[in-house]
Amino acid sequence: MSRDFRLDRVPVDVLAYELAEERASALGRMGRALEQALAKLREFDAAHPPSEARQQARRVLVREAGHALWMFVVQREACGLRNNRMLMRDYGVPGEVQLSMGPMIATSTTSS
C-alpha cells in the first residue's frame, strides 16, 4: 500500500518537491519548443530553394529558433545544467541559430 508523498513531509519539503516537478516540466516544454522551432527551420530549408525572396521568412524562423534556444538554455541553467555544448550537439542546433540566441525583440508591423 503506497502512501502519498505529501502526507509524510513537512510543508517545506512538499514545496521543494513541487518546485522541482515544475522545473522539470518547464524544461521539457522548452526542449519540445526548441525541437519544433528547429524542425520548422529544417522543413522550410528543404521546401524552399535558396532565393532572395525567401531570406526574410527564413530570418524570422532563425530568430524564433534562437529565442526557443535561449528559453531552453535559461531553463536548463535554472535546473543547474550549465554545460550547453552537448545540448547544441544533441539537438543539432545550427551555428546561425546559436548566434541569434536571445530574447525576441518586438517589431512593429505598422507605421505611425
N, C-alpha and C. Protein backbone atom coordinates (compact mmCIF):
# COMPACT_ATOMS: atom_id res chain seq x y z
N MET A 1 0.84 -1.17 0.00
CA MET A 1 0.00 0.00 0.00
C MET A 1 0.89 1.24 0.00
N SER A 2 0.80 2.06 -1.05
CA SER A 2 1.63 3.26 -1.12
C SER A 2 0.92 4.42 -0.46
N ARG A 3 1.73 5.29 0.10
CA ARG A 3 1.17 6.47 0.76
C ARG A 3 1.55 7.71 -0.02
N ASP A 4 0.75 8.71 0.06
CA ASP A 4 1.00 9.96 -0.62
C ASP A 4 2.27 10.60 -0.04
N PHE A 5 3.17 11.00 -0.91
CA PHE A 5 4.43 11.63 -0.50
C PHE A 5 4.18 12.81 0.43
N ARG A 6 3.18 13.58 0.14
CA ARG A 6 2.92 14.81 0.89
C ARG A 6 2.47 14.57 2.33
N LEU A 7 1.94 13.41 2.65
CA LEU A 7 1.44 13.16 4.00
C LEU A 7 2.57 12.98 5.01
N ASP A 8 3.73 12.52 4.56
CA ASP A 8 4.84 12.24 5.46
C ASP A 8 5.83 13.40 5.57
N ARG A 9 5.63 14.45 4.86
CA ARG A 9 6.63 15.52 4.78
C ARG A 9 6.15 16.81 5.42
N VAL A 10 7.14 17.61 5.79
CA VAL A 10 6.82 18.94 6.29
C VAL A 10 6.52 19.83 5.08
N PRO A 11 5.78 20.91 5.28
CA PRO A 11 5.38 21.75 4.15
C PRO A 11 6.55 22.23 3.28
N VAL A 12 7.69 22.51 3.87
CA VAL A 12 8.83 22.98 3.07
C VAL A 12 9.29 21.89 2.11
N ASP A 13 9.29 20.64 2.55
CA ASP A 13 9.67 19.54 1.68
C ASP A 13 8.68 19.37 0.53
N VAL A 14 7.42 19.52 0.83
CA VAL A 14 6.39 19.42 -0.21
C VAL A 14 6.59 20.52 -1.25
N LEU A 15 6.84 21.73 -0.78
CA LEU A 15 7.06 22.85 -1.69
C LEU A 15 8.30 22.61 -2.55
N ALA A 16 9.38 22.16 -1.95
CA ALA A 16 10.60 21.90 -2.71
C ALA A 16 10.36 20.83 -3.77
N TYR A 17 9.60 19.80 -3.41
CA TYR A 17 9.27 18.73 -4.35
C TYR A 17 8.45 19.28 -5.52
N GLU A 18 7.45 20.07 -5.21
CA GLU A 18 6.59 20.63 -6.27
C GLU A 18 7.36 21.60 -7.15
N LEU A 19 8.27 22.36 -6.58
CA LEU A 19 9.09 23.27 -7.39
C LEU A 19 10.01 22.48 -8.32
N ALA A 20 10.57 21.39 -7.82
CA ALA A 20 11.42 20.54 -8.66
C ALA A 20 10.60 19.94 -9.81
N GLU A 21 9.37 19.51 -9.51
CA GLU A 21 8.49 18.99 -10.55
C GLU A 21 8.22 20.05 -11.62
N GLU A 22 7.95 21.26 -11.19
CA GLU A 22 7.66 22.34 -12.14
C GLU A 22 8.88 22.69 -12.98
N ARG A 23 10.07 22.72 -12.37
CA ARG A 23 11.28 22.99 -13.13
C ARG A 23 11.49 21.92 -14.20
N ALA A 24 11.28 20.67 -13.84
CA ALA A 24 11.43 19.57 -14.79
C ALA A 24 10.39 19.67 -15.91
N SER A 25 9.17 20.00 -15.55
CA SER A 25 8.10 20.14 -16.54
C SER A 25 8.41 21.28 -17.51
N ALA A 26 8.85 22.40 -16.97
CA ALA A 26 9.19 23.55 -17.81
C ALA A 26 10.37 23.22 -18.71
N LEU A 27 11.34 22.48 -18.20
CA LEU A 27 12.48 22.08 -19.01
C LEU A 27 12.02 21.23 -20.19
N GLY A 28 11.10 20.33 -19.96
CA GLY A 28 10.56 19.52 -21.04
C GLY A 28 9.82 20.36 -22.08
N ARG A 29 9.02 21.31 -21.60
CA ARG A 29 8.29 22.19 -22.54
C ARG A 29 9.25 23.01 -23.39
N MET A 30 10.30 23.54 -22.77
CA MET A 30 11.26 24.36 -23.51
C MET A 30 12.03 23.50 -24.51
N GLY A 31 12.36 22.28 -24.13
CA GLY A 31 13.04 21.38 -25.06
C GLY A 31 12.18 21.03 -26.26
N ARG A 32 10.91 20.78 -26.02
CA ARG A 32 9.99 20.48 -27.14
C ARG A 32 9.80 21.71 -28.03
N ALA A 33 9.75 22.89 -27.44
CA ALA A 33 9.61 24.12 -28.23
C ALA A 33 10.83 24.32 -29.13
N LEU A 34 12.02 24.04 -28.59
CA LEU A 34 13.24 24.14 -29.40
C LEU A 34 13.20 23.13 -30.54
N GLU A 35 12.83 21.90 -30.24
CA GLU A 35 12.74 20.87 -31.28
C GLU A 35 11.78 21.29 -32.39
N GLN A 36 10.64 21.86 -32.02
CA GLN A 36 9.66 22.30 -33.02
C GLN A 36 10.20 23.45 -33.87
N ALA A 37 10.87 24.40 -33.23
CA ALA A 37 11.41 25.54 -33.97
C ALA A 37 12.50 25.09 -34.94
N LEU A 38 13.35 24.17 -34.50
CA LEU A 38 14.40 23.66 -35.39
C LEU A 38 13.80 22.84 -36.53
N ALA A 39 12.75 22.08 -36.25
CA ALA A 39 12.08 21.30 -37.30
C ALA A 39 11.45 22.23 -38.34
N LYS A 40 10.83 23.32 -37.88
CA LYS A 40 10.24 24.27 -38.83
C LYS A 40 11.31 24.86 -39.75
N LEU A 41 12.46 25.19 -39.18
CA LEU A 41 13.56 25.75 -39.97
C LEU A 41 14.06 24.72 -40.98
N ARG A 42 14.24 23.48 -40.56
CA ARG A 42 14.71 22.43 -41.48
C ARG A 42 13.70 22.17 -42.59
N GLU A 43 12.42 22.12 -42.22
CA GLU A 43 11.38 21.89 -43.23
C GLU A 43 11.34 23.04 -44.23
N PHE A 44 11.49 24.25 -43.75
CA PHE A 44 11.50 25.42 -44.63
C PHE A 44 12.66 25.32 -45.61
N ASP A 45 13.84 24.99 -45.09
CA ASP A 45 15.02 24.88 -45.95
C ASP A 45 14.85 23.79 -47.00
N ALA A 46 14.22 22.68 -46.62
CA ALA A 46 14.02 21.59 -47.56
C ALA A 46 12.99 21.93 -48.63
N ALA A 47 12.00 22.75 -48.29
CA ALA A 47 10.91 23.05 -49.21
C ALA A 47 11.16 24.26 -50.10
N HIS A 48 12.11 25.10 -49.73
CA HIS A 48 12.33 26.35 -50.47
C HIS A 48 13.77 26.45 -50.93
N PRO A 49 13.98 26.47 -52.25
CA PRO A 49 15.34 26.64 -52.75
C PRO A 49 15.86 28.04 -52.40
N PRO A 50 17.15 28.16 -52.24
CA PRO A 50 17.71 29.48 -51.89
C PRO A 50 17.31 30.56 -52.90
N SER A 51 16.81 31.65 -52.39
CA SER A 51 16.48 32.81 -53.22
C SER A 51 16.43 34.02 -52.31
N GLU A 52 16.47 35.16 -52.91
CA GLU A 52 16.44 36.39 -52.12
C GLU A 52 15.08 36.58 -51.45
N ALA A 53 14.02 36.15 -52.11
CA ALA A 53 12.67 36.33 -51.57
C ALA A 53 12.44 35.52 -50.30
N ARG A 54 13.07 34.37 -50.19
CA ARG A 54 12.85 33.53 -49.02
C ARG A 54 13.66 33.97 -47.81
N GLN A 55 14.64 34.82 -48.00
CA GLN A 55 15.55 35.18 -46.92
C GLN A 55 14.84 35.83 -45.73
N GLN A 56 13.87 36.68 -45.99
CA GLN A 56 13.17 37.34 -44.87
C GLN A 56 12.39 36.33 -44.04
N ALA A 57 11.67 35.43 -44.71
CA ALA A 57 10.92 34.41 -43.98
C ALA A 57 11.87 33.50 -43.20
N ARG A 58 13.00 33.19 -43.78
CA ARG A 58 13.97 32.33 -43.11
C ARG A 58 14.58 33.03 -41.90
N ARG A 59 14.86 34.32 -42.03
CA ARG A 59 15.41 35.08 -40.89
C ARG A 59 14.47 35.03 -39.70
N VAL A 60 13.17 35.11 -39.97
CA VAL A 60 12.18 35.03 -38.89
C VAL A 60 12.25 33.67 -38.20
N LEU A 61 12.36 32.60 -38.99
CA LEU A 61 12.45 31.26 -38.42
C LEU A 61 13.73 31.08 -37.61
N VAL A 62 14.83 31.64 -38.08
CA VAL A 62 16.10 31.56 -37.34
C VAL A 62 15.97 32.31 -36.03
N ARG A 63 15.35 33.49 -36.05
CA ARG A 63 15.16 34.27 -34.80
C ARG A 63 14.26 33.52 -33.83
N GLU A 64 13.19 32.90 -34.34
CA GLU A 64 12.30 32.12 -33.47
C GLU A 64 13.04 30.94 -32.85
N ALA A 65 13.86 30.26 -33.64
CA ALA A 65 14.64 29.14 -33.11
C ALA A 65 15.67 29.65 -32.10
N GLY A 66 16.26 30.81 -32.35
CA GLY A 66 17.21 31.41 -31.41
C GLY A 66 16.54 31.76 -30.09
N HIS A 67 15.31 32.23 -30.17
CA HIS A 67 14.56 32.55 -28.95
C HIS A 67 14.23 31.27 -28.18
N ALA A 68 13.79 30.24 -28.90
CA ALA A 68 13.48 28.96 -28.25
C ALA A 68 14.73 28.37 -27.60
N LEU A 69 15.87 28.51 -28.26
CA LEU A 69 17.13 28.04 -27.71
C LEU A 69 17.47 28.81 -26.43
N TRP A 70 17.31 30.09 -26.46
CA TRP A 70 17.59 30.94 -25.30
C TRP A 70 16.70 30.53 -24.12
N MET A 71 15.41 30.34 -24.39
CA MET A 71 14.48 29.94 -23.33
C MET A 71 14.90 28.60 -22.72
N PHE A 72 15.31 27.66 -23.58
CA PHE A 72 15.71 26.34 -23.11
C PHE A 72 17.00 26.43 -22.28
N VAL A 73 17.96 27.20 -22.75
CA VAL A 73 19.23 27.35 -22.03
C VAL A 73 18.99 28.00 -20.67
N VAL A 74 18.15 29.01 -20.61
CA VAL A 74 17.83 29.67 -19.34
C VAL A 74 17.19 28.67 -18.38
N GLN A 75 16.25 27.87 -18.88
CA GLN A 75 15.60 26.89 -18.02
C GLN A 75 16.57 25.81 -17.56
N ARG A 76 17.45 25.39 -18.45
CA ARG A 76 18.47 24.41 -18.07
C ARG A 76 19.36 24.97 -16.95
N GLU A 77 19.75 26.22 -17.09
CA GLU A 77 20.59 26.83 -16.06
C GLU A 77 19.85 26.95 -14.74
N ALA A 78 18.55 27.21 -14.79
CA ALA A 78 17.75 27.26 -13.57
C ALA A 78 17.70 25.90 -12.89
N CYS A 79 17.87 24.85 -13.67
CA CYS A 79 17.89 23.48 -13.12
C CYS A 79 19.30 23.04 -12.74
N GLY A 80 20.29 23.93 -12.92
CA GLY A 80 21.66 23.60 -12.56
C GLY A 80 22.47 22.95 -13.67
N LEU A 81 21.93 22.89 -14.88
CA LEU A 81 22.62 22.29 -16.02
C LEU A 81 23.34 23.40 -16.78
N ARG A 82 24.64 23.48 -16.65
CA ARG A 82 25.38 24.62 -17.20
C ARG A 82 26.14 24.32 -18.49
N ASN A 83 26.43 23.07 -18.79
CA ASN A 83 27.20 22.73 -19.98
C ASN A 83 26.26 22.61 -21.17
N ASN A 84 26.37 23.56 -22.09
CA ASN A 84 25.46 23.58 -23.23
C ASN A 84 26.06 22.98 -24.50
N ARG A 85 27.33 22.57 -24.45
CA ARG A 85 27.97 22.01 -25.64
C ARG A 85 27.24 20.76 -26.12
N MET A 86 26.91 19.86 -25.19
CA MET A 86 26.19 18.64 -25.56
C MET A 86 24.79 18.96 -26.06
N LEU A 87 24.15 19.96 -25.48
CA LEU A 87 22.82 20.38 -25.92
C LEU A 87 22.85 20.77 -27.39
N MET A 88 23.83 21.59 -27.77
CA MET A 88 23.93 22.04 -29.16
C MET A 88 24.15 20.86 -30.09
N ARG A 89 24.97 19.92 -29.67
CA ARG A 89 25.25 18.75 -30.50
C ARG A 89 24.03 17.83 -30.57
N ASP A 90 23.44 17.51 -29.42
CA ASP A 90 22.33 16.56 -29.39
C ASP A 90 21.10 17.06 -30.14
N TYR A 91 20.85 18.36 -30.06
CA TYR A 91 19.69 18.92 -30.76
C TYR A 91 20.03 19.35 -32.19
N GLY A 92 21.29 19.30 -32.55
CA GLY A 92 21.69 19.70 -33.90
C GLY A 92 21.42 21.17 -34.17
N VAL A 93 21.76 22.02 -33.22
CA VAL A 93 21.47 23.45 -33.35
C VAL A 93 22.49 24.08 -34.30
N PRO A 94 22.02 24.64 -35.42
CA PRO A 94 22.94 25.29 -36.36
C PRO A 94 23.62 26.51 -35.74
N GLY A 95 24.80 26.81 -36.23
CA GLY A 95 25.56 27.95 -35.72
C GLY A 95 24.80 29.26 -35.82
N GLU A 96 24.06 29.46 -36.90
CA GLU A 96 23.33 30.72 -37.05
C GLU A 96 22.23 30.86 -36.01
N VAL A 97 21.65 29.74 -35.58
CA VAL A 97 20.64 29.78 -34.51
C VAL A 97 21.33 30.09 -33.19
N GLN A 98 22.49 29.49 -32.95
CA GLN A 98 23.24 29.79 -31.73
C GLN A 98 23.59 31.27 -31.67
N LEU A 99 23.97 31.85 -32.79
CA LEU A 99 24.33 33.27 -32.83
C LEU A 99 23.13 34.19 -32.64
N SER A 100 21.94 33.69 -32.97
CA SER A 100 20.73 34.52 -32.82
C SER A 100 20.04 34.27 -31.49
N MET A 101 20.66 33.46 -30.63
CA MET A 101 20.07 33.12 -29.33
C MET A 101 19.86 34.38 -28.50
N GLY A 102 18.65 34.52 -27.99
CA GLY A 102 18.34 35.65 -27.12
C GLY A 102 16.86 35.94 -27.13
N PRO A 103 16.47 36.93 -26.35
CA PRO A 103 15.05 37.27 -26.29
C PRO A 103 14.58 37.83 -27.62
N MET A 104 13.30 37.63 -27.90
CA MET A 104 12.72 38.18 -29.14
C MET A 104 12.54 39.68 -28.95
N ILE A 105 12.92 40.41 -29.96
CA ILE A 105 12.74 41.85 -29.94
C ILE A 105 11.46 42.16 -30.68
N ALA A 106 10.57 42.87 -30.01
CA ALA A 106 9.29 43.21 -30.62
C ALA A 106 9.54 44.13 -31.80
N THR A 107 8.90 43.81 -32.92
CA THR A 107 8.99 44.66 -34.10
C THR A 107 7.62 45.15 -34.47
N SER A 108 7.54 46.35 -34.88
CA SER A 108 6.26 46.93 -35.26
C SER A 108 6.00 46.66 -36.73
N THR A 109 4.80 46.19 -37.04
CA THR A 109 4.44 45.93 -38.43
C THR A 109 3.63 47.07 -39.02
N THR A 110 3.26 48.03 -38.19
CA THR A 110 2.53 49.19 -38.69
C THR A 110 3.35 50.44 -38.43
N SER A 111 3.20 51.41 -39.28
CA SER A 111 3.92 52.66 -39.08
C SER A 111 2.95 53.73 -38.64
N SER A 112 3.43 54.62 -37.77
CA SER A 112 2.55 55.66 -37.23
C SER A 112 2.54 56.87 -38.12
